Amino acid sequence: MSPFIYGFSLTSSPRLSKPAASLYRHHLTSDLETAIRASNAQYDSPDVLRRLDARVLEYSPGEIGWDCFALEYKIEAPLNAVLDGKAMVEYDRLFHHLWRLKRVESALTQGWMRVTSNSRLFEGIQSTSLCLKWKEADSRLTTTMA
């Protein structure tokens, strides 16, 4: 995964997990700029970076930010001769599919971190409890033998 996308998803994830109605374009643009500065994308051509933008799409009640966010690349001449409107619609479809996969990856990672940290906590409690039982059994055995 590119450091840029990782950085962007990391900084914007708390915002995108909230209801879509609370999502503002200027916050996403700020997250986008932060991710650019924190990655190798900062060394890309200023013209390329100028064309990159965050968009908030129309949303339905109950949707969250992940559902209505889009990363837009503004096409100008002469590139618009090759990448016409149809190509950009296909880009949007591809972006949304990949972005949903990114969301699933993020949810799985958070779930895995919760499970592993809780299992370590459980192991600690279980082994502590087991040690206490062994000590109690050992002390009872020692007192009965004496």
Foldseek 3Di string as FASTA:
>chain_A
DFQLVVQLCVVCVVQQQAALVSDDQVVSQVSNVVSCVVHPVVVDDPVQVVQWGKDFADDDPPHGNLQGIDIGGDDDPPVCVVCPPVNVVVVRVVRNVVSVVVVVVVVVVVVVVVVVVVVVVVVVVVVVVVVVVVVVVVVVVVVVVD
